[in-house]
All heavy atoms as atom14 arrays in JSON, in Angstrom:
{
  "sequence": "EIPYGKVYDAGEEGYIEATLAYKKLAQFFMAKL",
  "atom14_mask": [
    [1, 1, 1, 1, 1, 1, 1, 1, 1, 0, 0, 0, 0, 0],
    [1, 1, 1, 1, 1, 1, 1, 1, 0, 0, 0, 0, 0, 0],
    [1, 1, 1, 1, 1, 1, 1, 0, 0, 0, 0, 0, 0, 0],
    [1, 1, 1, 1, 1, 1, 1, 1, 1, 1, 1, 1, 0, 0],
    [1, 1, 1, 1, 0, 0, 0, 0, 0, 0, 0, 0, 0, 0],
    [1, 1, 1, 1, 1, 1, 1, 1, 1, 0, 0, 0, 0, 0],
    [1, 1, 1, 1, 1, 1, 1, 0, 0, 0, 0, 0, 0, 0],
    [1, 1, 1, 1, 1, 1, 1, 1, 1, 1, 1, 1, 0, 0],
    [1, 1, 1, 1, 1, 1, 1, 1, 0, 0, 0, 0, 0, 0],
    [1, 1, 1, 1, 1, 0, 0, 0, 0, 0, 0, 0, 0, 0],
    [1, 1, 1, 1, 0, 0, 0, 0, 0, 0, 0, 0, 0, 0],
    [1, 1, 1, 1, 1, 1, 1, 1, 1, 0, 0, 0, 0, 0],
    [1, 1, 1, 1, 1, 1, 1, 1, 1, 0, 0, 0, 0, 0],
    [1, 1, 1, 1, 0, 0, 0, 0, 0, 0, 0, 0, 0, 0],
    [1, 1, 1, 1, 1, 1, 1, 1, 1, 1, 1, 1, 0, 0],
    [1, 1, 1, 1, 1, 1, 1, 1, 0, 0, 0, 0, 0, 0],
    [1, 1, 1, 1, 1, 1, 1, 1, 1, 0, 0, 0, 0, 0],
    [1, 1, 1, 1, 1, 0, 0, 0, 0, 0, 0, 0, 0, 0],
    [1, 1, 1, 1, 1, 1, 1, 0, 0, 0, 0, 0, 0, 0],
    [1, 1, 1, 1, 1, 1, 1, 1, 0, 0, 0, 0, 0, 0],
    [1, 1, 1, 1, 1, 0, 0, 0, 0, 0, 0, 0, 0, 0],
    [1, 1, 1, 1, 1, 1, 1, 1, 1, 1, 1, 1, 0, 0],
    [1, 1, 1, 1, 1, 1, 1, 1, 1, 0, 0, 0, 0, 0],
    [1, 1, 1, 1, 1, 1, 1, 1, 1, 0, 0, 0, 0, 0],
    [1, 1, 1, 1, 1, 1, 1, 1, 0, 0, 0, 0, 0, 0],
    [1, 1, 1, 1, 1, 0, 0, 0, 0, 0, 0, 0, 0, 0],
    [1, 1, 1, 1, 1, 1, 1, 1, 1, 0, 0, 0, 0, 0],
    [1, 1, 1, 1, 1, 1, 1, 1, 1, 1, 1, 0, 0, 0],
    [1, 1, 1, 1, 1, 1, 1, 1, 1, 1, 1, 0, 0, 0],
    [1, 1, 1, 1, 1, 1, 1, 1, 0, 0, 0, 0, 0, 0],
    [1, 1, 1, 1, 1, 0, 0, 0, 0, 0, 0, 0, 0, 0],
    [1, 1, 1, 1, 1, 1, 1, 1, 1, 0, 0, 0, 0, 0],
    [1, 1, 1, 1, 1, 1, 1, 1, 0, 0, 0, 0, 0, 0]
  ],
  "atom14_positions": [
    [[14.94, 8.94, -4.94], [15.01, 8.27, -6.26], [14.07, 7.06, -6.26], [14.29, 6.11, -5.48], [16.39, 7.9, -6.62], [17.34, 9.08, -6.8], [18.74, 8.65, -7.27], [18.94, 7.51, -7.6], [19.64, 9.53, -7.25], [0.0, 0.0, 0.0], [0.0, 0.0, 0.0], [0.0, 0.0, 0.0], [0.0, 0.0, 0.0], [0.0, 0.0, 0.0]],
    [[13.05, 7.13, -7.07], [12.08, 6.04, -7.07], [12.02, 5.43, -8.51], [11.93, 6.23, -9.46], [10.61, 6.6, -6.73], [10.75, 7.25, -5.34], [9.65, 5.43, -6.71], [9.41, 7.96, -4.93], [0.0, 0.0, 0.0], [0.0, 0.0, 0.0], [0.0, 0.0, 0.0], [0.0, 0.0, 0.0], [0.0, 0.0, 0.0], [0.0, 0.0, 0.0]],
    [[12.19, 4.17, -8.67], [12.26, 3.57, -9.96], [10.95, 3.71, -10.84], [9.87, 3.94, -10.27], [12.52, 2.07, -9.7], [12.09, 1.85, -8.34], [12.21, 3.14, -7.57], [0.0, 0.0, 0.0], [0.0, 0.0, 0.0], [0.0, 0.0, 0.0], [0.0, 0.0, 0.0], [0.0, 0.0, 0.0], [0.0, 0.0, 0.0], [0.0, 0.0, 0.0]],
    [[11.17, 3.69, -12.15], [10.1, 3.92, -13.09], [8.84, 3.01, -12.69], [7.69, 3.53, -12.74], [10.59, 3.56, -14.53], [9.47, 3.62, -15.55], [9.29, 4.76, -16.31], [8.64, 2.52, -15.76], [8.33, 4.84, -17.29], [7.68, 2.6, -16.74], [7.51, 3.77, -17.53], [6.49, 3.82, -18.49], [0.0, 0.0, 0.0], [0.0, 0.0, 0.0]],
    [[9.1, 1.75, -12.47], [7.95, 0.84, -12.2], [7.09, 1.26, -11.07], [5.83, 1.17, -11.15], [0.0, 0.0, 0.0], [0.0, 0.0, 0.0], [0.0, 0.0, 0.0], [0.0, 0.0, 0.0], [0.0, 0.0, 0.0], [0.0, 0.0, 0.0], [0.0, 0.0, 0.0], [0.0, 0.0, 0.0], [0.0, 0.0, 0.0], [0.0, 0.0, 0.0]],
    [[7.71, 1.67, -9.96], [6.92, 2.1, -8.8], [6.18, 3.41, -9.07], [5.01, 3.49, -8.72], [7.81, 2.3, -7.61], [8.4, 1.02, -7.05], [9.2, 1.23, -5.81], [8.36, 1.58, -4.6], [7.5, 0.51, -4.11], [0.0, 0.0, 0.0], [0.0, 0.0, 0.0], [0.0, 0.0, 0.0], [0.0, 0.0, 0.0], [0.0, 0.0, 0.0]],
    [[6.77, 4.34, -9.78], [6.12, 5.57, -10.09], [4.98, 5.27, -11.05], [3.87, 5.88, -10.94], [7.16, 6.62, -10.73], [6.42, 7.86, -11.28], [8.23, 6.95, -9.68], [0.0, 0.0, 0.0], [0.0, 0.0, 0.0], [0.0, 0.0, 0.0], [0.0, 0.0, 0.0], [0.0, 0.0, 0.0], [0.0, 0.0, 0.0], [0.0, 0.0, 0.0]],
    [[5.2, 4.44, -12.08], [4.15, 4.2, -13.03], [2.95, 3.52, -12.29], [1.78, 3.86, -12.57], [4.67, 3.26, -14.11], [3.64, 3.03, -15.22], [3.51, 3.91, -16.29], [2.85, 1.9, -15.21], [2.58, 3.67, -17.31], [1.94, 1.65, -16.2], [1.8, 2.52, -17.24], [0.92, 2.34, -18.24], [0.0, 0.0, 0.0], [0.0, 0.0, 0.0]],
    [[3.26, 2.58, -11.43], [2.13, 1.86, -10.72], [1.33, 2.88, -9.91], [0.11, 2.86, -9.77], [2.69, 0.8, -9.8], [3.2, -0.38, -10.6], [2.91, -0.54, -11.75], [3.91, -1.27, -10.05], [0.0, 0.0, 0.0], [0.0, 0.0, 0.0], [0.0, 0.0, 0.0], [0.0, 0.0, 0.0], [0.0, 0.0, 0.0], [0.0, 0.0, 0.0]],
    [[2.09, 3.84, -9.21], [1.46, 4.76, -8.3], [0.6, 5.79, -9.06], [-0.25, 6.45, -8.45], [2.46, 5.5, -7.54], [0.0, 0.0, 0.0], [0.0, 0.0, 0.0], [0.0, 0.0, 0.0], [0.0, 0.0, 0.0], [0.0, 0.0, 0.0], [0.0, 0.0, 0.0], [0.0, 0.0, 0.0], [0.0, 0.0, 0.0], [0.0, 0.0, 0.0]],
    [[0.72, 5.81, -10.4], [-0.09, 6.74, -11.21], [-1.5, 6.2, -11.51], [-2.3, 6.87, -12.15], [0.0, 0.0, 0.0], [0.0, 0.0, 0.0], [0.0, 0.0, 0.0], [0.0, 0.0, 0.0], [0.0, 0.0, 0.0], [0.0, 0.0, 0.0], [0.0, 0.0, 0.0], [0.0, 0.0, 0.0], [0.0, 0.0, 0.0], [0.0, 0.0, 0.0]],
    [[-1.74, 4.95, -11.12], [-3.02, 4.35, -11.36], [-4.11, 4.97, -10.51], [-3.87, 5.39, -9.32], [-2.96, 2.84, -11.03], [-4.26, 2.06, -11.37], [-4.14, 0.6, -11.03], [-3.15, 0.21, -10.43], [-5.07, -0.1, -11.36], [0.0, 0.0, 0.0], [0.0, 0.0, 0.0], [0.0, 0.0, 0.0], [0.0, 0.0, 0.0], [0.0, 0.0, 0.0]],
    [[-5.29, 5.11, -11.04], [-6.4, 5.72, -10.35], [-6.71, 4.91, -9.05], [-6.77, 3.71, -9.07], [-7.67, 5.79, -11.15], [-8.86, 6.39, -10.48], [-10.04, 6.55, -11.39], [-9.95, 6.26, -12.65], [-11.14, 6.82, -10.88], [0.0, 0.0, 0.0], [0.0, 0.0, 0.0], [0.0, 0.0, 0.0], [0.0, 0.0, 0.0], [0.0, 0.0, 0.0]],
    [[-6.85, 5.62, -7.9], [-7.13, 4.92, -6.68], [-6.01, 4.02, -6.11], [-6.31, 3.16, -5.28], [0.0, 0.0, 0.0], [0.0, 0.0, 0.0], [0.0, 0.0, 0.0], [0.0, 0.0, 0.0], [0.0, 0.0, 0.0], [0.0, 0.0, 0.0], [0.0, 0.0, 0.0], [0.0, 0.0, 0.0], [0.0, 0.0, 0.0], [0.0, 0.0, 0.0]],
    [[-4.8, 4.31, -6.51], [-3.68, 3.46, -6.07], [-3.45, 3.54, -4.61], [-3.6, 4.56, -3.94], [-2.37, 3.95, -6.81], [-1.14, 3.18, -6.34], [-0.96, 1.88, -6.87], [-0.2, 3.7, -5.53], [0.21, 1.12, -6.54], [0.89, 2.99, -5.14], [1.12, 1.71, -5.67], [2.24, 0.99, -5.31], [0.0, 0.0, 0.0], [0.0, 0.0, 0.0]],
    [[-3.18, 2.38, -3.97], [-2.82, 2.19, -2.62], [-1.5, 1.46, -2.55], [-1.41, 0.38, -3.13], [-3.88, 1.45, -1.85], [-5.21, 2.24, -1.78], [-3.44, 1.16, -0.43], [-6.36, 1.44, -1.16], [0.0, 0.0, 0.0], [0.0, 0.0, 0.0], [0.0, 0.0, 0.0], [0.0, 0.0, 0.0], [0.0, 0.0, 0.0], [0.0, 0.0, 0.0]],
    [[-0.5, 2.01, -1.87], [0.72, 1.27, -1.66], [0.64, 0.42, -0.43], [0.84, 0.86, 0.73], [1.91, 2.26, -1.52], [3.26, 1.6, -1.55], [4.41, 2.51, -1.76], [4.36, 3.56, -1.2], [5.35, 2.13, -2.52], [0.0, 0.0, 0.0], [0.0, 0.0, 0.0], [0.0, 0.0, 0.0], [0.0, 0.0, 0.0], [0.0, 0.0, 0.0]],
    [[0.26, -0.8, -0.64], [0.05, -1.72, 0.48], [1.35, -2.33, 0.92], [1.73, -3.49, 0.64], [-0.93, -2.84, 0.0], [0.0, 0.0, 0.0], [0.0, 0.0, 0.0], [0.0, 0.0, 0.0], [0.0, 0.0, 0.0], [0.0, 0.0, 0.0], [0.0, 0.0, 0.0], [0.0, 0.0, 0.0], [0.0, 0.0, 0.0], [0.0, 0.0, 0.0]],
    [[2.12, -1.55, 1.68], [3.35, -2.04, 2.3], [3.08, -3.04, 3.38], [1.92, -3.3, 3.78], [4.12, -0.84, 2.91], [3.35, -0.29, 3.96], [4.4, 0.24, 1.86], [0.0, 0.0, 0.0], [0.0, 0.0, 0.0], [0.0, 0.0, 0.0], [0.0, 0.0, 0.0], [0.0, 0.0, 0.0], [0.0, 0.0, 0.0], [0.0, 0.0, 0.0]],
    [[4.16, -3.69, 3.83], [3.99, -4.68, 4.91], [3.36, -4.02, 6.1], [2.51, -4.58, 6.79], [5.35, -5.34, 5.24], [5.44, -6.37, 6.33], [4.47, -7.5, 5.98], [6.78, -6.87, 6.65], [0.0, 0.0, 0.0], [0.0, 0.0, 0.0], [0.0, 0.0, 0.0], [0.0, 0.0, 0.0], [0.0, 0.0, 0.0], [0.0, 0.0, 0.0]],
    [[3.86, -2.8, 6.48], [3.31, -2.18, 7.6], [1.86, -1.74, 7.45], [1.07, -1.85, 8.4], [4.11, -0.91, 7.91], [0.0, 0.0, 0.0], [0.0, 0.0, 0.0], [0.0, 0.0, 0.0], [0.0, 0.0, 0.0], [0.0, 0.0, 0.0], [0.0, 0.0, 0.0], [0.0, 0.0, 0.0], [0.0, 0.0, 0.0], [0.0, 0.0, 0.0]],
    [[1.45, -1.39, 6.26], [0.05, -1.07, 5.91], [-0.75, -2.35, 6.17], [-1.84, -2.28, 6.78], [-0.04, -0.64, 4.46], [-1.39, -0.4, 3.98], [-1.86, 0.94, 3.82], [-2.27, -1.39, 3.58], [-3.15, 1.17, 3.3], [-3.54, -1.17, 3.11], [-3.9, 0.12, 2.98], [-5.23, 0.39, 2.45], [0.0, 0.0, 0.0], [0.0, 0.0, 0.0]],
    [[-0.32, -3.47, 5.62], [-1.09, -4.71, 5.74], [-1.21, -5.17, 7.2], [-2.32, -5.6, 7.62], [-0.43, -5.8, 4.93], [-0.47, -5.54, 3.39], [0.32, -6.67, 2.66], [0.3, -6.4, 1.17], [1.08, -7.41, 0.44], [0.0, 0.0, 0.0], [0.0, 0.0, 0.0], [0.0, 0.0, 0.0], [0.0, 0.0, 0.0], [0.0, 0.0, 0.0]],
    [[-0.18, -5.03, 7.95], [-0.21, -5.49, 9.4], [-1.19, -4.68, 10.16], [-1.98, -5.26, 11.0], [1.15, -5.48, 9.94], [2.15, -6.53, 9.51], [3.4, -6.53, 10.27], [4.31, -7.72, 9.87], [5.63, -7.66, 10.65], [0.0, 0.0, 0.0], [0.0, 0.0, 0.0], [0.0, 0.0, 0.0], [0.0, 0.0, 0.0], [0.0, 0.0, 0.0]],
    [[-1.2, -3.37, 9.93], [-2.15, -2.49, 10.67], [-3.59, -2.75, 10.23], [-4.47, -2.89, 11.1], [-1.8, -1.05, 10.48], [-2.6, -0.02, 11.29], [-2.53, -0.31, 12.72], [-2.14, 1.44, 11.0], [0.0, 0.0, 0.0], [0.0, 0.0, 0.0], [0.0, 0.0, 0.0], [0.0, 0.0, 0.0], [0.0, 0.0, 0.0], [0.0, 0.0, 0.0]],
    [[-3.8, -2.98, 8.96], [-5.12, -3.29, 8.44], [-5.65, -4.62, 9.07], [-6.78, -4.74, 9.5], [-5.14, -3.32, 6.9], [0.0, 0.0, 0.0], [0.0, 0.0, 0.0], [0.0, 0.0, 0.0], [0.0, 0.0, 0.0], [0.0, 0.0, 0.0], [0.0, 0.0, 0.0], [0.0, 0.0, 0.0], [0.0, 0.0, 0.0], [0.0, 0.0, 0.0]],
    [[-4.74, -5.58, 9.04], [-5.17, -6.83, 9.64], [-5.39, -6.8, 11.14], [-6.3, -7.49, 11.67], [-3.98, -7.89, 9.4], [-3.83, -8.29, 7.95], [-2.56, -9.0, 7.6], [-1.64, -9.06, 8.48], [-2.36, -9.47, 6.38], [0.0, 0.0, 0.0], [0.0, 0.0, 0.0], [0.0, 0.0, 0.0], [0.0, 0.0, 0.0], [0.0, 0.0, 0.0]],
    [[-4.65, -5.94, 11.8], [-4.94, -5.69, 13.25], [-6.32, -5.15, 13.45], [-7.06, -5.58, 14.41], [-3.86, -4.73, 13.8], [-4.12, -4.39, 15.25], [-3.59, -5.12, 16.28], [-4.87, -3.27, 15.59], [-3.78, -4.8, 17.68], [-5.04, -2.9, 16.97], [-4.6, -3.68, 17.94], [0.0, 0.0, 0.0], [0.0, 0.0, 0.0], [0.0, 0.0, 0.0]],
    [[-6.68, -4.11, 12.64], [-8.0, -3.53, 12.77], [-9.11, -4.56, 12.52], [-10.15, -4.57, 13.2], [-8.18, -2.4, 11.8], [-7.34, -1.12, 12.11], [-6.93, -0.31, 11.18], [-7.15, -0.81, 13.5], [-6.23, 0.85, 11.53], [-6.44, 0.34, 13.82], [-5.96, 1.19, 12.84], [0.0, 0.0, 0.0], [0.0, 0.0, 0.0], [0.0, 0.0, 0.0]],
    [[-8.88, -5.46, 11.52], [-9.91, -6.48, 11.23], [-9.97, -7.51, 12.38], [-11.07, -7.92, 12.77], [-9.48, -7.23, 10.01], [-9.73, -6.33, 8.7], [-9.52, -7.31, 7.15], [-7.67, -7.4, 7.09], [0.0, 0.0, 0.0], [0.0, 0.0, 0.0], [0.0, 0.0, 0.0], [0.0, 0.0, 0.0], [0.0, 0.0, 0.0], [0.0, 0.0, 0.0]],
    [[-8.86, -7.87, 12.99], [-8.84, -8.86, 14.09], [-9.33, -8.27, 15.4], [-10.09, -9.0, 16.08], [-7.51, -9.43, 14.19], [0.0, 0.0, 0.0], [0.0, 0.0, 0.0], [0.0, 0.0, 0.0], [0.0, 0.0, 0.0], [0.0, 0.0, 0.0], [0.0, 0.0, 0.0], [0.0, 0.0, 0.0], [0.0, 0.0, 0.0], [0.0, 0.0, 0.0]],
    [[-8.9, -7.11, 15.72], [-9.17, -6.53, 17.04], [-10.38, -5.63, 17.14], [-10.97, -5.49, 18.23], [-7.91, -5.79, 17.61], [-6.64, -6.61, 17.69], [-6.82, -7.74, 18.74], [-5.48, -8.5, 18.95], [-5.63, -9.54, 19.97], [0.0, 0.0, 0.0], [0.0, 0.0, 0.0], [0.0, 0.0, 0.0], [0.0, 0.0, 0.0], [0.0, 0.0, 0.0]],
    [[-10.72, -5.02, 16.04], [-11.9, -4.16, 16.0], [-13.04, -4.59, 15.13], [-13.95, -3.88, 14.87], [-11.38, -2.73, 15.55], [-10.47, -2.01, 16.55], [-9.92, -0.72, 15.97], [-11.14, -1.75, 17.88], [0.0, 0.0, 0.0], [0.0, 0.0, 0.0], [0.0, 0.0, 0.0], [0.0, 0.0, 0.0], [0.0, 0.0, 0.0], [0.0, 0.0, 0.0]]
  ]
}
């Protein structure tokens, strides 16, 4: 069950769900690679 707001946001073109885990891994790649 996913609330309306999250579903509506995810319908945007090129949407990325930048969760905390997503951000941490991206930051790791920037820092270490």
